[in-house]
Protein backbone atom coordinates (compact mmCIF):
# COMPACT_ATOMS: atom_id res chain seq x y z
CA UNK A 1 -39.58 -19.28 9.37
CA UNK A 2 -37.26 -19.07 11.92
CA UNK A 3 -38.07 -20.44 15.36
CA UNK A 4 -38.22 -18.03 18.36
CA UNK A 5 -35.69 -18.51 21.24
CA UNK A 6 -36.95 -17.82 24.29
CA UNK A 7 -33.96 -15.62 26.05
CA UNK A 8 -35.18 -15.49 29.50
CA UNK A 9 -33.09 -18.09 30.82
CA UNK A 10 -29.87 -16.34 29.39
CA UNK A 11 -31.61 -13.43 30.47
CA UNK A 12 -31.69 -14.63 33.96
CA UNK A 13 -28.40 -16.38 34.28
CA UNK A 14 -26.92 -13.02 33.14
CA UNK A 15 -28.73 -11.31 36.31
CA UNK A 16 -27.36 -13.87 38.62
CA UNK A 17 -24.07 -13.76 37.53
CA UNK A 18 -24.12 -9.78 38.01
CA UNK A 19 -25.93 -10.24 41.30
CA UNK A 20 -23.11 -12.90 42.59
CA UNK A 21 -20.33 -10.49 41.63
CA UNK A 22 -21.86 -7.73 43.26
CA UNK A 23 -22.41 -9.80 46.41
CA UNK A 24 -18.57 -10.97 46.72
CA UNK A 25 -17.68 -7.36 45.90
CA UNK A 26 -19.55 -6.29 49.16
CA UNK A 27 -19.23 -9.24 51.05
CA UNK A 28 -17.41 -7.66 53.93
CA UNK A 29 -20.13 -5.28 54.54
CA UNK A 30 -22.78 -8.03 53.62
CA UNK A 31 -21.68 -10.38 56.34
CA UNK A 32 -22.21 -8.00 58.99
CA UNK A 33 -25.64 -7.66 57.90
CA UNK A 34 -26.58 -11.19 57.41
CA UNK A 35 -25.10 -11.98 61.08
CA UNK A 36 -27.59 -9.08 62.28
CA UNK A 37 -30.39 -10.37 60.18
CA UNK A 38 -29.91 -14.04 61.81
CA UNK A 39 -29.63 -12.67 65.34
CA UNK A 40 -32.76 -10.70 64.86
CA UNK A 41 -34.47 -13.50 63.55
CA UNK A 42 -33.82 -15.20 66.46
CA UNK A 43 -34.41 -12.90 68.94
CA UNK A 44 -37.93 -11.98 67.28
CA UNK A 45 -39.85 -14.30 68.97
CA UNK A 46 -38.75 -13.27 72.30
CA UNK A 47 -39.72 -9.59 71.40
CA UNK A 48 -43.15 -10.98 69.90
CA UNK A 49 -43.73 -12.38 73.40
CA UNK A 50 -42.99 -9.22 75.52
CA UNK A 51 -45.41 -7.21 73.03
CA UNK A 52 -48.17 -9.80 73.42
CA UNK A 53 -47.84 -9.52 76.94
CA UNK A 54 -48.26 -5.85 77.02
CA UNK A 55 -44.79 -4.53 77.36
CA UNK A 56 -44.15 -1.37 75.32
CA UNK A 57 -42.16 -1.26 72.27
CA UNK A 58 -39.47 0.45 73.99
CA UNK A 59 -38.91 -1.89 77.18
CA UNK A 60 -38.86 -4.94 75.12
CA UNK A 61 -36.35 -3.71 72.98
CA UNK A 62 -34.27 -2.34 76.08
CA UNK A 63 -34.54 -5.73 77.77
CA UNK A 64 -33.17 -7.66 74.45
CA UNK A 65 -30.64 -4.98 73.87
CA UNK A 66 -29.02 -5.30 77.08
CA UNK A 67 -29.40 -9.25 77.48
CA UNK A 68 -27.56 -9.27 73.81
CA UNK A 69 -24.55 -7.02 74.91
CA UNK A 70 -23.87 -8.67 78.36
CA UNK A 71 -23.73 -11.79 76.36
CA UNK A 72 -21.82 -10.57 73.63
CA UNK A 73 -19.19 -8.47 76.12
CA UNK A 74 -18.84 -11.66 77.95
CA UNK A 75 -17.96 -14.08 75.13
CA UNK A 76 -15.81 -11.49 73.75
CA UNK A 77 -13.86 -10.94 76.76
CA UNK A 78 -13.17 -14.85 77.14
CA UNK A 79 -12.29 -15.34 73.83
CA UNK A 80 -10.07 -12.03 74.04
CA UNK A 81 -8.18 -13.37 76.54
CA UNK A 82 -7.76 -17.09 74.84
CA UNK A 83 -6.40 -15.53 71.69
CA UNK A 84 -4.21 -13.71 73.59
CA UNK A 85 -2.79 -16.28 75.66
CA UNK A 86 -2.95 -18.66 72.21
CA UNK A 87 -0.72 -15.75 70.45
CA UNK A 88 1.96 -15.69 72.98
CA UNK A 89 2.41 -19.29 73.16
CA UNK A 90 2.27 -20.00 69.15
CA UNK A 91 6.10 -20.26 68.84
CA UNK A 92 6.03 -23.02 71.56
CA UNK A 93 3.36 -24.93 69.19
CA UNK A 94 5.22 -23.96 65.84
CA UNK A 95 8.11 -25.51 67.54
CA UNK A 96 6.50 -28.46 68.75
CA UNK A 97 4.86 -29.26 64.94
CA UNK A 98 8.29 -28.48 63.74
CA UNK A 99 9.80 -31.33 65.91
CA UNK A 100 6.91 -33.97 65.56
CA UNK A 101 7.34 -33.01 61.54
CA UNK A 102 11.03 -34.05 61.52
CA UNK A 103 10.38 -37.11 63.82
CA UNK A 104 8.12 -38.16 61.64
CA UNK A 105 9.93 -37.36 58.04
CA UNK A 106 13.02 -39.29 59.91
CA UNK A 107 10.77 -42.42 60.76
CA UNK A 108 9.92 -42.88 57.09
CA UNK A 109 13.29 -42.34 56.27
CA UNK A 110 14.37 -45.15 58.30
CA UNK A 111 11.71 -47.32 56.95
CA UNK A 112 13.42 -46.58 53.33
CA UNK A 113 10.58 -44.15 52.23
CA UNK A 114 11.88 -41.56 49.95
CA UNK A 115 10.89 -38.36 51.65
CA UNK A 116 12.69 -35.83 49.39
CA UNK A 117 9.65 -35.27 47.26
CA UNK A 118 7.76 -34.60 50.85
CA UNK A 119 10.13 -32.42 52.05
CA UNK A 120 9.88 -30.28 48.87
CA UNK A 121 5.95 -29.94 49.35
CA UNK A 122 5.39 -26.65 51.07
CA UNK A 123 1.96 -27.10 51.76
CA UNK A 124 2.59 -29.13 54.68
CA UNK A 125 5.34 -27.16 56.33
CA UNK A 126 4.30 -25.93 60.29
CA UNK A 127 4.26 -22.41 58.98
CA UNK A 128 2.12 -22.92 56.09
CA UNK A 129 -0.45 -24.88 58.19
CA UNK A 130 -0.46 -22.32 60.88
CA UNK A 131 -1.15 -19.41 57.69
CA UNK A 132 -3.69 -21.34 56.43
CA UNK A 133 -5.62 -21.61 59.94
CA UNK A 134 -5.25 -18.31 61.28
CA UNK A 135 -6.50 -16.52 57.90
CA UNK A 136 -9.49 -18.61 57.93
CA UNK A 137 -10.33 -18.15 61.89
CA UNK A 138 -9.40 -14.28 61.32
CA UNK A 139 -12.10 -13.95 58.35
CA UNK A 140 -14.58 -15.55 60.99
CA UNK A 141 -13.56 -13.31 63.75
CA UNK A 142 -13.16 -10.42 61.93
CA UNK A 143 -17.29 -10.14 61.28
CA UNK A 144 -17.97 -11.05 64.97
CA UNK A 145 -15.13 -8.57 66.24
CA UNK A 146 -17.15 -5.57 64.41
CA UNK A 147 -19.42 -5.78 67.56
CA UNK A 148 -20.93 -2.54 67.52
CA UNK A 149 -22.13 -2.33 63.94
CA UNK A 150 -23.41 -5.77 64.20
CA UNK A 151 -25.33 -4.65 67.05
CA UNK A 152 -26.40 -1.43 65.74
CA UNK A 153 -28.17 -3.15 62.46
CA UNK A 154 -29.57 -5.82 64.95
CA UNK A 155 -31.73 -2.81 66.75
CA UNK A 156 -32.50 -1.32 63.83
CA UNK A 157 -33.87 -4.80 62.58
CA UNK A 158 -35.74 -5.44 65.58
CA UNK A 159 -37.19 -1.85 65.65
CA UNK A 160 -38.67 -2.66 62.47
CA UNK A 161 -40.12 -5.97 63.54
CA UNK A 162 -41.40 -4.21 66.62
CA UNK A 163 -43.40 -1.65 64.18
CA UNK A 164 -45.00 -4.26 61.87
CA UNK A 165 -46.28 -6.21 64.96
CA UNK A 166 -47.43 -3.33 66.61
CA UNK A 167 -49.13 -1.93 63.27
CA UNK A 168 -50.48 -5.25 62.36
CA UNK A 169 -52.20 -5.87 66.01
CA UNK A 170 -53.47 -2.07 65.67
CA UNK A 171 -54.85 -3.05 62.38
CA UNK A 172 -52.91 -1.09 60.38
CA UNK A 173 -51.07 -3.68 58.34
CA UNK A 174 -52.83 -6.66 56.58
CA UNK A 175 -51.62 -10.14 56.24
CA UNK A 176 -50.83 -10.00 52.61
CA UNK A 177 -48.31 -7.58 52.59
CA UNK A 178 -44.63 -8.35 51.61
CA UNK A 179 -42.99 -8.70 55.03
CA UNK A 180 -45.92 -11.13 56.11
CA UNK A 181 -45.67 -13.39 52.83
CA UNK A 182 -42.17 -14.26 54.26
CA UNK A 183 -43.44 -15.07 57.59
CA UNK A 184 -43.06 -18.58 56.78
CA UNK A 185 -39.38 -18.34 55.75
CA UNK A 186 -38.52 -16.73 58.55
CA UNK A 187 -40.18 -19.34 61.07
CA UNK A 188 -38.16 -22.05 59.01
CA UNK A 189 -35.02 -20.43 59.46
CA UNK A 190 -35.66 -20.18 63.31
CA UNK A 191 -36.42 -23.83 63.62
CA UNK A 192 -33.25 -24.78 61.93
CA UNK A 193 -31.15 -22.09 63.83
CA UNK A 194 -32.32 -22.85 66.91
CA UNK A 195 -32.26 -26.53 67.02
CA UNK A 196 -28.75 -26.33 65.68
CA UNK A 197 -27.60 -23.97 68.42
CA UNK A 198 -28.96 -26.43 71.11
CA UNK A 199 -27.39 -28.98 69.79
CA UNK A 200 -24.17 -27.15 69.54
CA UNK A 201 -24.42 -25.85 73.05
CA UNK A 202 -24.56 -29.41 74.72
CA UNK A 203 -22.26 -30.69 72.14
CA UNK A 204 -20.08 -27.85 73.09
CA UNK A 205 -20.19 -28.23 76.71
CA UNK A 206 -19.65 -32.18 76.57
CA UNK A 207 -16.57 -31.17 74.77
CA UNK A 208 -15.44 -28.52 76.94
CA UNK A 209 -15.83 -30.70 79.88
CA UNK A 210 -13.76 -33.54 78.51
CA UNK A 211 -10.82 -31.13 77.29
CA UNK A 212 -10.93 -29.60 80.85
CA UNK A 213 -10.38 -33.15 82.39
CA UNK A 214 -7.49 -33.78 80.17
CA UNK A 215 -6.15 -30.58 80.63
CA UNK A 216 -5.90 -29.39 76.56
CA UNK A 217 -5.16 -25.66 76.39
CA UNK A 218 -7.75 -22.92 75.42
CA UNK A 219 -10.79 -25.45 76.08
CA UNK A 220 -13.22 -22.39 76.29
CA UNK A 221 -11.99 -21.41 72.71
CA UNK A 222 -11.92 -24.39 70.82
CA UNK A 223 -15.80 -25.16 72.71
CA UNK A 224 -16.94 -21.54 71.26
CA UNK A 225 -15.57 -22.81 67.53
CA UNK A 226 -16.94 -26.17 67.98
CA UNK A 227 -20.36 -24.10 68.94
CA UNK A 228 -19.96 -22.09 65.39
CA UNK A 229 -18.75 -24.74 63.25
CA UNK A 230 -21.89 -26.97 64.54
CA UNK A 231 -23.54 -24.68 61.79
CA UNK A 232 -21.44 -26.25 59.18
CA UNK A 233 -22.97 -29.73 58.33
CA UNK A 234 -20.65 -32.65 58.04
CA UNK A 235 -17.16 -30.57 57.10
CA UNK A 236 -17.48 -28.40 60.67
CA UNK A 237 -17.02 -31.65 62.89
CA UNK A 238 -13.72 -31.86 61.21
CA UNK A 239 -12.82 -28.26 61.85
CA UNK A 240 -14.08 -28.51 65.54
CA UNK A 241 -11.50 -31.54 65.95
CA UNK A 242 -8.12 -30.59 64.24
CA UNK A 243 -7.45 -28.00 66.88
CA UNK A 244 -8.03 -29.66 70.33
CA UNK A 245 -6.53 -33.08 68.96
CA UNK A 246 -3.01 -31.17 67.34
CA UNK A 247 -2.99 -29.22 70.96
CA UNK A 248 -3.63 -32.52 72.75
CA UNK A 249 -0.89 -34.17 70.46
CA UNK A 250 1.71 -31.39 71.22
CA UNK A 251 1.36 -31.17 75.11
CA UNK A 252 -0.10 -34.51 76.28
CA UNK A 253 0.93 -37.08 73.74
CA UNK A 254 -0.78 -39.55 71.48
CA UNK A 255 -2.99 -41.22 74.08
CA UNK A 256 -4.63 -38.02 75.08
CA UNK A 257 -4.68 -36.80 71.48
CA UNK A 258 -6.62 -40.40 70.65
CA UNK A 259 -8.99 -39.84 73.90
CA UNK A 260 -10.06 -36.52 72.55
CA UNK A 261 -10.65 -37.86 68.73
CA UNK A 262 -12.51 -40.62 70.54
CA UNK A 263 -14.63 -38.51 72.85
CA UNK A 264 -15.62 -35.74 70.03
CA UNK A 265 -16.84 -38.50 67.98
CA UNK A 266 -18.82 -39.98 70.47
CA UNK A 267 -20.39 -36.58 71.37
CA UNK A 268 -21.04 -35.43 67.66
CA UNK A 269 -22.80 -38.95 67.01
CA UNK A 270 -25.19 -38.50 70.17
CA UNK A 271 -26.17 -35.07 68.92
CA UNK A 272 -25.80 -34.87 65.63
CA UNK A 273 -27.11 -38.50 64.38
CA UNK A 274 -29.35 -39.27 67.32
CA UNK A 275 -30.94 -36.20 69.00
CA UNK A 276 -31.07 -33.58 66.35
CA UNK A 277 -32.77 -35.25 63.76
CA UNK A 278 -35.42 -35.95 66.08
CA UNK A 279 -36.22 -32.67 66.17
CA UNK A 280 -35.40 -31.14 62.57
CA UNK A 281 -38.29 -32.44 59.76
CA UNK A 282 -37.94 -33.81 56.64
CA UNK A 283 -37.83 -30.19 54.91
CA UNK A 284 -34.73 -29.44 56.17
CA UNK A 285 -32.99 -32.35 54.66
CA UNK A 286 -30.52 -31.69 52.08
CA UNK A 287 -28.15 -34.14 50.23
CA UNK A 288 -24.59 -34.20 50.84
CA UNK A 289 -23.67 -32.93 47.24
CA UNK A 290 -26.12 -30.12 47.90
CA UNK A 291 -24.27 -29.19 51.35
CA UNK A 292 -20.89 -29.83 50.10
CA UNK A 293 -21.53 -27.46 46.94
CA UNK A 294 -23.32 -24.72 48.78
CA UNK A 295 -20.74 -24.61 51.54
CA UNK A 296 -18.43 -24.23 48.33
CA UNK A 297 -19.95 -21.41 47.01
CA UNK A 298 -21.04 -19.65 49.90
CA UNK A 299 -17.26 -19.67 51.36
CA UNK A 300 -16.01 -18.12 48.09
CA UNK A 301 -18.49 -15.70 47.67
CA UNK A 302 -18.50 -14.41 51.77
CA UNK A 303 -15.49 -16.04 53.03
CA UNK A 304 -15.03 -17.95 56.37
CA UNK A 305 -18.73 -16.31 57.29
CA UNK A 306 -20.27 -17.89 54.32
CA UNK A 307 -19.59 -21.68 55.58
CA UNK A 308 -21.45 -20.71 58.82
CA UNK A 309 -24.15 -19.06 56.74
CA UNK A 310 -24.24 -21.83 54.16
CA UNK A 311 -27.18 -23.98 55.19
CA UNK A 312 -29.69 -20.86 56.33
CA UNK A 313 -28.91 -18.94 53.12
CA UNK A 314 -29.46 -22.32 50.88
CA UNK A 315 -32.91 -22.53 52.87
CA UNK A 316 -33.70 -19.34 52.28
CA UNK A 317 -32.59 -19.15 48.49
CA UNK A 318 -34.93 -22.41 48.13
CA UNK A 319 -37.82 -20.78 50.02
CA UNK A 320 -37.54 -17.56 48.15
CA UNK A 321 -37.73 -19.65 44.84
CA UNK A 322 -40.89 -21.56 46.07
CA UNK A 323 -42.14 -18.04 46.77
CA UNK A 324 -41.45 -16.79 43.27
CA UNK A 325 -43.05 -19.44 41.64
CA UNK A 326 -46.27 -19.60 43.28
CA UNK A 327 -46.49 -15.56 43.34
CA UNK A 328 -45.25 -14.80 40.28
CA UNK A 329 -45.51 -18.35 38.04
CA UNK A 330 -41.93 -18.18 37.41
CA UNK A 331 -40.78 -21.88 36.65
């Protein structure tokens, strides 16, 4: 007799491949939804506090929405002005990069190094570097630039959160419902995001002060990007450092560039290696390999915004798998 083969793993793998392909196909729309969900999850504790204190659902939502709009418009204006100024100065920066690039080649040539192969490598040409950086940042800002859609999605999600809490308070929704089974998941994501956001905010503030003292151009936008890239473990710090260090080199020279690099390393070490681990428990610890693979996967699936959402999405996937194993005896 032939041994019966369990095809469930193969079937599950096929489902995953189809699901990933679908997610990648709708990533431009899905990115907006994911950002809205994360914003709603972060704002949900404030909504719960207002409802608990007797505020009406309408008033609670209005206060949160107005605050969100004010903060977003303020950031949008600052970033918009900085991006506009940066675009105007782009030819100057490209010229400076070309000059330094040619000086470096001349220096290597004078020391007897054959630079023919280096000159043939188009990857390191100034226009190529500008193109790569622009495309990556553009994919991130395109998601945050759809402010109206993200805001509307966030409002609808918060309305659902409010309805669920009101029904639960009136006894109309039992705790064994689906959304309440995932309450721990929301708490985990909130904890990770809030601690990461706080450490990122104060780290970016320290970097902003350093850049303003040195006179690095567009310090505000670099600080904002530092805050965003703080959600990308390990690699995020490198991405944060490149822009300010390059601008300091182009405009202020090697000494200022080294001060920026050393200052950023010190600030990052204080917040990421000393302060942050004290508040984030071991349940959020992931190996460097896991983080790197999650960054590759989610960036490939969702684009630039996937790098920022990689860790929250990986935590969500892990918690969902744990819930499935308990509820449906999977695995």
